[in-house]
Protein backbone atom coordinates (compact mmCIF):
# COMPACT_ATOMS: atom_id res chain seq x y z
CA MET A 1 -39.34 4.91 -6.86
CA GLY A 2 -36.20 2.87 -6.65
CA THR A 3 -33.05 4.24 -4.81
CA VAL A 4 -29.52 5.12 -6.20
CA SER A 5 -26.79 3.37 -4.57
CA PHE A 6 -23.94 5.18 -4.45
CA MET A 7 -20.54 2.94 -4.21
CA LYS A 8 -17.66 4.93 -2.95
CA LYS A 9 -14.36 3.85 -4.77
CA LEU A 10 -11.16 4.03 -2.86
CA ILE A 11 -7.21 2.97 -3.43
CA ALA A 12 -5.35 0.32 -0.97
CA PHE A 13 -2.02 0.92 -2.03
CA ASP A 14 1.75 -0.56 -1.13
CA ILE A 15 5.37 0.14 -1.80
CA GLU A 16 8.11 -2.15 -1.37
CA THR A 17 11.43 -0.21 -0.81
CA THR A 18 15.34 -0.68 -0.68
CA GLY A 19 15.35 0.50 3.02
CA LEU A 20 13.54 2.74 5.50
CA TYR A 21 15.06 6.29 4.60
CA PRO A 22 14.50 7.84 1.48
CA GLU A 23 16.34 10.98 2.51
CA GLN A 24 19.44 8.42 2.92
CA GLY A 25 19.38 7.38 -0.27
CA ASP A 26 16.70 4.51 -0.23
CA ARG A 27 14.78 3.86 -3.38
CA ILE A 28 11.26 2.34 -4.58
CA LEU A 29 11.40 -1.23 -5.55
CA GLU A 30 7.83 -2.02 -6.42
CA ILE A 31 4.66 -0.05 -6.15
CA GLY A 32 1.40 -1.96 -6.25
CA ALA A 33 -2.59 -0.67 -5.89
CA VAL A 34 -6.02 -1.97 -5.86
CA PRO A 35 -9.28 -0.22 -6.07
CA LEU A 36 -12.20 -1.19 -4.01
CA ILE A 37 -15.99 -0.28 -5.10
CA GLY A 38 -18.16 -0.25 -2.29
CA ASN A 39 -17.22 -3.57 -0.39
CA GLN A 40 -15.56 -5.31 -3.21
CA VAL A 41 -11.54 -5.53 -3.99
CA MET A 42 -10.85 -5.18 -7.80
CA LEU A 43 -7.53 -7.32 -7.78
CA GLU A 44 -7.89 -7.39 -11.40
CA ASN A 45 -8.16 -4.07 -12.05
CA GLY A 46 -5.17 -3.03 -9.70
CA PHE A 47 -1.59 -1.36 -10.50
CA GLU A 48 1.70 -3.13 -10.18
CA ALA A 49 4.52 -2.18 -11.37
CA LEU A 50 8.51 -3.04 -10.26
CA ILE A 51 11.08 -0.60 -10.61
CA ASN A 52 14.84 -0.17 -11.05
CA PRO A 53 15.77 1.75 -8.17
CA GLY A 54 19.38 2.12 -10.04
CA MET A 55 21.59 0.52 -7.46
CA HIS A 56 22.06 -3.02 -5.90
CA ILE A 57 19.22 -4.22 -3.74
CA PRO A 58 20.53 -5.13 -0.49
CA PRO A 59 20.48 -8.85 0.04
CA GLU A 60 18.27 -8.51 3.42
CA ILE A 61 16.03 -6.64 1.62
CA SER A 62 15.61 -9.23 -1.52
CA ARG A 63 15.18 -11.72 1.51
CA ILE A 64 12.42 -9.75 3.05
CA ASN A 65 10.45 -8.80 -0.01
CA GLY A 66 11.93 -11.61 -2.66
CA ILE A 67 12.51 -8.95 -5.29
CA THR A 68 16.19 -9.30 -6.78
CA ASP A 69 18.62 -7.57 -8.87
CA GLU A 70 17.56 -9.81 -11.72
CA MET A 71 13.80 -8.93 -11.66
CA VAL A 72 14.39 -5.11 -11.76
CA ARG A 73 17.12 -5.04 -14.17
CA ASP A 74 14.83 -4.53 -17.12
CA ALA A 75 12.22 -2.35 -15.28
CA PRO A 76 11.46 1.20 -15.76
CA PRO A 77 12.63 3.78 -13.39
CA LEU A 78 10.88 5.47 -10.82
CA GLU A 79 10.57 8.77 -13.29
CA SER A 80 8.54 6.72 -15.47
CA VAL A 81 6.50 4.71 -13.11
CA LEU A 82 5.57 7.40 -10.70
CA PRO A 83 3.56 9.83 -13.03
CA LYS A 84 1.31 6.12 -14.08
CA PHE A 85 0.69 5.58 -10.55
CA LEU A 86 -0.46 9.02 -9.74
CA ASP A 87 -2.88 8.47 -12.87
CA PHE A 88 -4.28 5.51 -11.62
CA ILE A 89 -5.23 6.87 -7.75
CA GLY A 90 -6.26 10.28 -9.24
CA ASP A 91 -7.71 12.31 -6.14
CA LEU A 92 -9.52 9.04 -4.70
CA PRO A 93 -9.13 8.84 -0.51
CA LEU A 94 -6.08 6.37 -0.52
CA ILE A 95 -5.57 3.03 1.87
CA ALA A 96 -2.37 2.14 3.43
CA HIS A 97 -0.74 -0.09 6.13
CA ASN A 98 1.57 2.51 8.08
CA ALA A 99 0.42 5.30 5.79
CA PRO A 100 3.13 7.57 6.84
CA PHE A 101 5.85 5.25 5.63
CA ASP A 102 4.19 4.73 2.14
CA VAL A 103 2.91 8.33 1.58
CA GLY A 104 6.42 9.43 2.97
CA PHE A 105 8.33 7.97 0.24
CA ILE A 106 5.67 8.85 -2.69
CA SER A 107 5.99 12.00 -1.34
CA TYR A 108 9.97 12.30 -1.04
CA TYR A 109 10.43 11.34 -4.80
CA MET A 110 7.18 13.40 -5.67
CA GLY A 111 8.82 16.45 -4.25
CA LYS A 112 12.33 15.23 -6.15
CA ALA A 113 10.57 15.30 -9.38
CA GLY A 114 8.76 18.69 -8.61
CA THR A 115 5.36 16.92 -9.11
CA PRO A 116 2.79 18.59 -6.44
CA LEU A 117 2.56 16.31 -3.42
CA LEU A 118 -0.52 14.09 -3.00
CA LYS A 119 -3.80 15.86 -1.49
CA ASN A 120 -5.70 12.32 -1.51
CA PRO A 121 -7.21 11.87 1.96
CA ILE A 122 -5.34 9.14 3.56
CA ILE A 123 -6.72 6.25 5.96
CA ASP A 124 -4.28 4.21 7.69
CA THR A 125 -5.04 0.70 8.66
CA LEU A 126 -2.27 0.96 11.48
CA GLU A 127 -4.25 3.70 13.10
CA LEU A 128 -7.60 2.00 12.62
CA SER A 129 -6.20 -1.57 14.04
CA ARG A 130 -4.92 0.67 17.32
CA LYS A 131 -8.53 1.97 17.97
CA ALA A 132 -10.30 -1.53 17.21
CA PHE A 133 -7.74 -3.36 19.55
CA SER A 134 -6.77 -1.25 21.66
CA HIS A 135 -5.57 -3.87 23.85
CA ALA A 136 -3.20 -5.09 21.68
CA ARG A 137 0.50 -4.61 21.72
CA ALA A 138 1.56 -5.50 18.02
CA HIS A 139 -0.30 -3.50 15.03
CA ASN A 140 2.05 -4.68 12.09
CA LEU A 141 -0.25 -5.98 8.90
CA ASP A 142 0.67 -9.77 9.90
CA ALA A 143 -1.12 -9.08 13.32
CA LEU A 144 -3.67 -7.68 12.19
CA LEU A 145 -4.94 -9.80 9.67
CA GLY A 146 -4.55 -12.83 12.37
CA ARG A 147 -7.08 -11.02 14.67
CA LEU A 148 -9.47 -10.10 11.48
CA HIS A 149 -9.10 -14.11 10.46
CA ILE A 150 -7.48 -13.09 7.04
CA ALA A 151 -5.93 -15.83 5.85
CA TYR A 152 -3.04 -15.45 3.07
CA ASN A 153 0.24 -17.38 1.99
CA SER A 154 3.66 -16.29 2.46
CA GLU A 155 3.84 -15.44 -1.25
CA GLN A 156 1.24 -12.80 -0.90
CA ARG A 157 3.23 -10.53 1.75
CA HIS A 158 5.77 -8.13 1.39
CA ARG A 159 4.87 -7.32 -2.05
CA SER A 160 3.00 -4.70 -3.25
CA ILE A 161 0.05 -5.96 -4.96
CA GLY A 162 -0.54 -8.68 -2.48
CA ASP A 163 -0.01 -6.67 0.52
CA ALA A 164 -2.27 -4.00 -1.06
CA TYR A 165 -5.07 -6.45 -1.10
CA LEU A 166 -4.74 -7.92 2.27
CA THR A 167 -4.51 -4.21 3.52
CA ALA A 168 -8.22 -3.60 1.50
CA LEU A 169 -9.48 -6.87 3.24
CA ALA A 170 -8.64 -5.58 6.55
CA TYR A 171 -10.04 -1.96 5.79
CA LEU A 172 -12.85 -3.95 4.84
CA ARG A 173 -13.20 -5.99 7.66
CA LEU A 174 -12.32 -3.01 10.23
CA ASN A 175 -15.00 -1.13 8.56
CA ALA A 176 -17.37 -3.49 9.38
CA MET A 177 -16.85 -3.59 12.92
CA PRO A 178 -18.91 -1.84 15.29
CA PRO A 179 -17.48 0.84 16.99
CA PRO A 180 -15.08 0.23 20.29
CA ALA A 181 -17.36 0.53 23.57
CA ARG A 182 -16.12 3.34 25.62
C-alpha cells in the first residue's frame, strides 16, 4: 500500500511602498507573491503587479526600489489590484520578512476599502531569524540571506517579486535547520 504525500502550500509575499506609514498617506507601489508547495518555490506561478499610487514617488524611494513615476503611470490603482492579490492568496498561510510592515500596509488599505481583514496565518522570517541566529545583531533580509548563503543579485532586491522569492528561499532554509540548542 502506497503512502499519500501531503504537500502544504504557502505564499511568500512582499510589497514596495512610497514610505513607511500608510496612515500618513504612504501608498503601495508593487505587490509580489510566490507560492511554495512542499520545498519548491513556484516563481513561474507567482503574482506581480505594479500599482499607480496616485502620487509622485519620492526620489529616495525610487533610488531604493527602482520604481519610477513613469513605470507606474499606466499601472492600475490599488483598488483594482488588491482584490486580485486577495484572490491569489486565498486563506493560505503567508510568509513575509518583517511581516508586521507588509501585513500592516495591506490591512490598512483593506480597511479603507471596507474589505474584511486578513485572517491568514502569518509566518515572519524576521522572527525566525531572531530565533535561529539569536547571537546576531542584524536580522534584515540581506543579513539573513548572507547567513543562509543564499546568493542573489542587486536587481532581485527591493522589488516585490524578487524579495518574495528570496524570502521563500530563506524560509525553506530556516525551516530545514535543526532547532537552536537551549
